[in-house]
């Protein structure tokens, strides 16, 4: 290779493009080779070796700004530089793996925002006769409760699980949610409110509570946001829940 090779052949031998070679030149990673009488760059074996070294480090994920110091280092400094590159790559791999896991969870919907225990409740609901709209309502509610009440979320889930084991409770909850489509002045709302209130008074353990909010400075605000979720476009539900709470208080039971 006494006369050297052209930039095109050097790029081909190194497994990169001519454009990439020029980028390496502009970055100062490879010195400009000598030129022939026609003004063309001519690359010798030393230039080709440098190209391969730069390409290898770049392909390994080393930023161009970091390649020069590595190649110019010697002895222990060179080894330390490579160790640092490996550490950075390991960290990058872990970050990418975490992102991939997040994407996989996103593909399953609920499992990105809710733990497996909550997802199991949602998976169980269709078999109990809840509609797709009901499951959506429950999902939104669980996400909000977990956000507003992280410390008491497991206890809240336990209360939900307990309620789903009671057939009468399940039937009343389905009827309560269907009341969201009723008009606010529907006479059935008063009757249903009486029945639901009596049901909770007979067994207060079936009423999911928000006790996990007690230690929050803004507990009242959080409770208000949770209890009023979904009421804006469901006037029947708004009146029903208000009547249920009023009847429970009148009986000496103070719901959360």
Protein backbone atom coordinates (compact mmCIF):
# COMPACT_ATOMS: atom_id res chain seq x y z
CA UNK A 1 0.00 0.00 0.00
CA UNK A 2 2.82 2.33 -0.87
CA UNK A 3 0.61 4.74 -2.78
CA UNK A 4 -2.28 4.45 -0.34
CA UNK A 5 -5.95 4.07 -1.14
CA UNK A 6 -8.76 6.51 -1.83
CA UNK A 7 -11.26 7.65 0.76
CA UNK A 8 -13.92 5.49 -0.87
CA UNK A 9 -11.89 2.30 -0.56
CA UNK A 10 -10.74 3.20 2.95
CA UNK A 11 -14.36 3.70 4.00
CA UNK A 12 -15.35 0.38 2.42
CA UNK A 13 -12.53 -1.49 4.13
CA UNK A 14 -13.48 0.04 7.50
CA UNK A 15 -17.19 -0.74 6.99
CA UNK A 16 -18.38 2.86 7.07
CA UNK A 17 -19.43 5.53 4.58
CA UNK A 18 -17.33 8.27 3.04
CA UNK A 19 -19.56 10.75 4.84
CA UNK A 20 -18.69 9.14 8.16
CA UNK A 21 -14.97 9.32 7.37
CA UNK A 22 -15.34 13.04 6.75
CA UNK A 23 -17.19 13.43 10.05
CA UNK A 24 -14.24 11.75 11.78
CA UNK A 25 -11.92 14.21 10.09
CA UNK A 26 -13.98 17.21 11.18
CA UNK A 27 -14.10 15.83 14.73
CA UNK A 28 -10.32 15.60 14.83
CA UNK A 29 -10.42 11.84 15.38
CA UNK A 30 -8.45 11.13 12.23
CA UNK A 31 -5.77 13.41 10.85
CA UNK A 32 -6.02 14.49 7.25
CA UNK A 33 -3.96 11.99 5.20
CA UNK A 34 -1.48 13.04 2.60
CA UNK A 35 -2.80 13.90 -0.84
CA UNK A 36 -1.51 12.69 -4.20
CA UNK A 37 -0.49 14.87 -7.12
CA UNK A 38 -4.13 15.20 -8.16
CA UNK A 39 -5.15 16.44 -4.71
CA UNK A 40 -6.94 13.26 -3.64
CA UNK A 41 -6.56 11.91 -0.11
CA UNK A 42 -4.50 8.74 0.08
CA UNK A 43 -4.95 6.53 3.15
CA UNK A 44 -2.15 4.24 4.32
CA UNK A 45 -2.32 1.34 6.77
CA UNK A 46 -1.95 3.58 9.82
CA UNK A 47 -4.90 5.68 8.66
CA UNK A 48 -6.97 2.57 8.00
CA UNK A 49 -6.15 1.19 11.47
CA UNK A 50 -7.23 4.46 13.05
CA UNK A 51 -10.47 4.38 11.08
CA UNK A 52 -11.25 0.90 12.32
CA UNK A 53 -10.47 1.85 15.92
CA UNK A 54 -12.72 4.91 15.79
CA UNK A 55 -15.50 2.98 14.07
CA UNK A 56 -15.34 0.21 16.67
CA UNK A 57 -15.61 2.59 19.61
CA UNK A 58 -18.37 4.58 17.95
CA UNK A 59 -20.31 1.38 17.24
CA UNK A 60 -19.92 0.45 20.92
CA UNK A 61 -21.78 3.61 21.86
CA UNK A 62 -18.87 5.84 22.79
CA UNK A 63 -19.65 9.49 21.92
CA UNK A 64 -17.31 10.97 19.35
CA UNK A 65 -16.05 13.47 21.91
CA UNK A 66 -14.88 10.60 24.09
CA UNK A 67 -13.14 8.51 21.44
CA UNK A 68 -10.06 10.70 21.07
CA UNK A 69 -9.04 10.59 24.77
CA UNK A 70 -9.46 6.81 24.78
CA UNK A 71 -7.32 6.23 21.72
CA UNK A 72 -4.70 8.68 22.93
CA UNK A 73 -4.48 7.09 26.37
CA UNK A 74 -1.78 4.59 27.23
CA UNK A 75 -1.31 1.76 29.70
CA UNK A 76 -3.53 1.94 32.75
CA UNK A 77 -5.22 5.08 31.50
CA UNK A 78 -6.37 3.22 28.40
CA UNK A 79 -7.69 0.32 30.47
CA UNK A 80 -9.47 2.68 32.85
CA UNK A 81 -11.03 4.51 29.90
CA UNK A 82 -12.36 1.26 28.47
CA UNK A 83 -13.69 0.22 31.88
CA UNK A 84 -15.59 3.51 32.04
CA UNK A 85 -17.00 2.89 28.58
CA UNK A 86 -18.17 -0.55 29.67
CA UNK A 87 -19.79 0.89 32.79
CA UNK A 88 -21.61 3.51 30.75
CA UNK A 89 -22.79 0.88 28.29
CA UNK A 90 -24.04 -1.34 31.10
CA UNK A 91 -26.00 1.56 32.55
CA UNK A 92 -27.40 2.34 29.12
CA UNK A 93 -28.45 -1.27 28.62
CA UNK A 94 -30.25 -1.25 31.97
CA UNK A 95 -32.05 1.97 31.03
CA UNK A 96 -33.11 0.52 27.69
CA UNK A 97 -34.30 -2.68 29.35
CA UNK A 98 -36.38 -0.63 31.78
CA UNK A 99 -37.90 1.34 28.90
CA UNK A 100 -38.70 -1.87 27.04
CA UNK A 101 -40.39 -3.25 30.15
CA UNK A 102 -42.43 -0.06 30.41
CA UNK A 103 -43.50 -0.36 26.76
CA UNK A 104 -44.54 -3.96 27.32
CA UNK A 105 -46.58 -2.93 30.35
CA UNK A 106 -48.09 -0.08 28.34
CA UNK A 107 -49.22 -2.59 25.73
CA UNK A 108 -51.27 -4.32 28.43
CA UNK A 109 -53.03 -1.10 29.45
CA UNK A 110 -53.92 -1.25 33.14
CA UNK A 111 -50.66 -2.84 34.15
CA UNK A 112 -48.70 0.31 33.53
CA UNK A 113 -50.68 2.30 36.11
CA UNK A 114 -51.89 -0.36 38.51
CA UNK A 115 -50.29 -3.25 40.42
CA UNK A 116 -51.19 -6.85 39.63
CA UNK A 117 -53.59 -7.05 42.57
CA UNK A 118 -55.70 -4.18 41.21
CA UNK A 119 -55.57 -5.61 37.69
CA UNK A 120 -56.84 -8.92 39.06
CA UNK A 121 -59.91 -7.10 40.39
CA UNK A 122 -60.56 -5.55 36.98
CA UNK A 123 -60.07 -8.92 35.28
CA UNK A 124 -62.60 -10.45 37.64
CA UNK A 125 -65.36 -7.90 37.05
CA UNK A 126 -66.67 -9.03 33.62
CA UNK A 127 -67.27 -12.52 35.03
CA UNK A 128 -69.43 -10.95 37.75
CA UNK A 129 -71.62 -9.26 35.16
CA UNK A 130 -70.06 -5.80 35.10
CA UNK A 131 -70.14 -4.05 31.73
CA UNK A 132 -67.12 -2.73 29.85
CA UNK A 133 -68.16 0.77 30.92
CA UNK A 134 -68.26 -0.38 34.53
CA UNK A 135 -64.74 -1.78 34.26
CA UNK A 136 -63.55 1.51 32.77
CA UNK A 137 -65.14 3.39 35.67
CA UNK A 138 -63.48 1.06 38.15
CA UNK A 139 -60.11 1.38 36.42
CA UNK A 140 -60.21 5.16 36.51
CA UNK A 141 -61.25 5.12 40.14
CA UNK A 142 -58.45 2.75 41.15
CA UNK A 143 -55.83 4.83 39.34
CA UNK A 144 -57.05 7.94 41.13
CA UNK A 145 -57.19 6.26 44.53
CA UNK A 146 -53.68 4.91 44.10
CA UNK A 147 -52.47 8.39 43.13
CA UNK A 148 -54.24 10.21 45.94
CA UNK A 149 -53.88 7.55 48.62
CA UNK A 150 -50.74 5.47 47.93
CA UNK A 151 -50.19 4.43 51.55
CA UNK A 152 -53.69 3.02 52.03
CA UNK A 153 -54.16 1.53 48.57
CA UNK A 154 -53.61 -2.10 49.57
CA UNK A 155 -56.18 -1.77 52.34
CA UNK A 156 -58.61 -0.21 49.87
CA UNK A 157 -58.09 -3.12 47.46
CA UNK A 158 -58.78 -5.57 50.29
CA UNK A 159 -62.11 -3.83 50.90
CA UNK A 160 -62.99 -4.08 47.19
CA UNK A 161 -62.08 -7.77 47.13
CA UNK A 162 -64.26 -8.35 50.20
CA UNK A 163 -67.20 -6.65 48.50
CA UNK A 164 -66.85 -8.67 45.30
CA UNK A 165 -67.22 -11.85 47.36
CA UNK A 166 -70.74 -10.78 48.41
CA UNK A 167 -73.35 -11.42 45.65
CA UNK A 168 -75.88 -8.94 47.06
CA UNK A 169 -73.22 -6.26 47.29
CA UNK A 170 -72.17 -6.89 43.68
CA UNK A 171 -75.78 -6.63 42.53
CA UNK A 172 -76.28 -3.32 44.36
CA UNK A 173 -73.04 -1.85 43.03
CA UNK A 174 -74.04 -2.71 39.45
CA UNK A 175 -77.43 -1.12 40.01
CA UNK A 176 -75.79 1.93 41.60
CA UNK A 177 -73.50 2.43 38.61
CA UNK A 178 -76.38 2.01 36.17
CA UNK A 179 -78.11 4.86 38.00
CA UNK A 180 -75.52 7.13 36.47
CA UNK A 181 -77.64 7.02 33.32
CA UNK A 182 -80.83 8.00 35.13
CA UNK A 183 -82.19 11.50 35.27
CA UNK A 184 -81.55 13.34 38.54
CA UNK A 185 -85.27 13.42 39.33
CA UNK A 186 -85.85 9.72 38.60
CA UNK A 187 -88.02 8.37 41.47
CA UNK A 188 -85.98 5.15 41.54
CA UNK A 189 -83.01 7.05 42.96
CA UNK A 190 -84.66 7.62 46.34
CA UNK A 191 -85.59 3.96 46.63
CA UNK A 192 -82.15 2.77 45.61
CA UNK A 193 -80.44 5.17 48.02
CA UNK A 194 -82.53 3.74 50.87
CA UNK A 195 -81.66 0.17 49.90
CA UNK A 196 -77.92 0.85 49.52
CA UNK A 197 -77.73 2.78 52.80
CA UNK A 198 -79.49 -0.06 54.64
CA UNK A 199 -77.09 -2.53 53.01
CA UNK A 200 -74.03 -0.66 54.31
CA UNK A 201 -75.55 -0.19 57.75
CA UNK A 202 -76.15 -3.95 57.95
CA UNK A 203 -72.48 -4.59 57.14
CA UNK A 204 -70.24 -1.47 57.26
CA UNK A 205 -67.22 -3.59 56.19
CA UNK A 206 -68.66 -3.65 52.66
CA UNK A 207 -68.28 0.12 52.27
CA UNK A 208 -64.82 0.94 50.82
CA UNK A 209 -63.28 3.72 52.88
CA UNK A 210 -60.49 6.19 52.31
CA UNK A 211 -58.81 5.85 55.70
CA UNK A 212 -55.41 6.16 54.02
CA UNK A 213 -56.08 9.87 53.60
CA UNK A 214 -56.14 10.58 57.32
CA UNK A 215 -52.46 11.49 57.55
CA UNK A 216 -52.52 13.80 54.51
CA UNK A 217 -52.42 17.55 55.10
CA UNK A 218 -54.82 18.08 52.19
CA UNK A 219 -57.00 15.08 52.99
CA UNK A 220 -60.25 17.01 52.44
CA UNK A 221 -59.21 18.08 48.96
CA UNK A 222 -58.10 14.59 47.99
CA UNK A 223 -61.29 13.03 49.37
CA UNK A 224 -63.43 15.52 47.48
CA UNK A 225 -61.63 14.78 44.20
CA UNK A 226 -62.08 11.04 44.66
CA UNK A 227 -65.70 11.04 45.75
CA UNK A 228 -66.79 13.43 43.01
CA UNK A 229 -64.98 11.73 40.13
CA UNK A 230 -67.35 11.05 37.25
CA UNK A 231 -70.28 12.97 38.69
CA UNK A 232 -70.22 15.86 36.23
CA UNK A 233 -71.78 13.88 33.37
CA UNK A 234 -73.87 11.55 35.58
CA UNK A 235 -76.48 13.64 37.39
CA UNK A 236 -78.38 10.56 38.57
CA UNK A 237 -75.26 9.22 40.22
CA UNK A 238 -74.53 12.58 41.82
CA UNK A 239 -77.94 12.68 43.49
CA UNK A 240 -77.80 9.02 44.45
CA UNK A 241 -74.43 9.22 46.22
CA UNK A 242 -75.49 12.40 48.02
CA UNK A 243 -78.66 10.69 49.28
CA UNK A 244 -76.76 7.59 50.40
CA UNK A 245 -74.29 9.67 52.39
CA UNK A 246 -77.12 11.69 53.94
CA UNK A 247 -78.98 8.55 55.01
CA UNK A 248 -75.82 7.01 56.48
CA UNK A 249 -75.11 10.14 58.50
CA UNK A 250 -78.70 10.26 59.70
CA UNK A 251 -78.22 6.74 61.04
CA UNK A 252 -75.10 7.79 62.90
CA UNK A 253 -72.63 6.35 60.41
CA UNK A 254 -70.07 8.78 59.02
CA UNK A 255 -68.70 7.51 55.67
CA UNK A 256 -65.22 8.60 54.58
